[in-house]
Amino acid sequence: MSHRHLICGACGQKNRVDMDRPAAEARCGKCHAPLFSSHPIEVDEAGFERHVAATDGPVLVDVWAPWCGPCRVMGPMFERAAAELEPGVRLLKLNADTAPNVSARYGIRGIPALLLVQDGQLIGQSAGVMDTARIVAWVRDRVPTMA
């Protein structure tokens, strides 16, 4: 039986998830919200830190801003990528305007930017718009278990 730890996108509770069961059945032990929704989870800096620290497995983060035209173009494509990458990858959206510490730590100079973190370590970083297929391929190239 394989297990993963994930943070609930609704309440922030850490959950142990049996990955041998269907992802649609996974629910938070505290608030009972689905743990997988095929949609990225919007987080602030504290939420980003919590997800990255407590999630077993890869976390893909879209660093964006509401005023950024290219970010708005990539948003729906990132949303579609969530449907293809979950439950193997946790997808987050982080507003760069409210997360200056994360942007500084990872040297983000342009948005949209993607951060791929696994076990607390950055394993991939990219800037610029990607379509859904390219996002999925980019992740699968960097996460051997996704191929």
Foldseek 3Di string as FASTA:
>chain_A
DDWKWAAALPPRDIDIDDPVDDQQCDADPPPRHRRADLFAREDEQVSVVSGLQRTAAKEKEFEAAPVDPQSVVQRVQLSNLSNVCPPRYHYYYYHCVRHVVVCVVVVPDAPRKMFMGHNNHTQDIDHTHDGNVVVNVVVCVRDVVSD
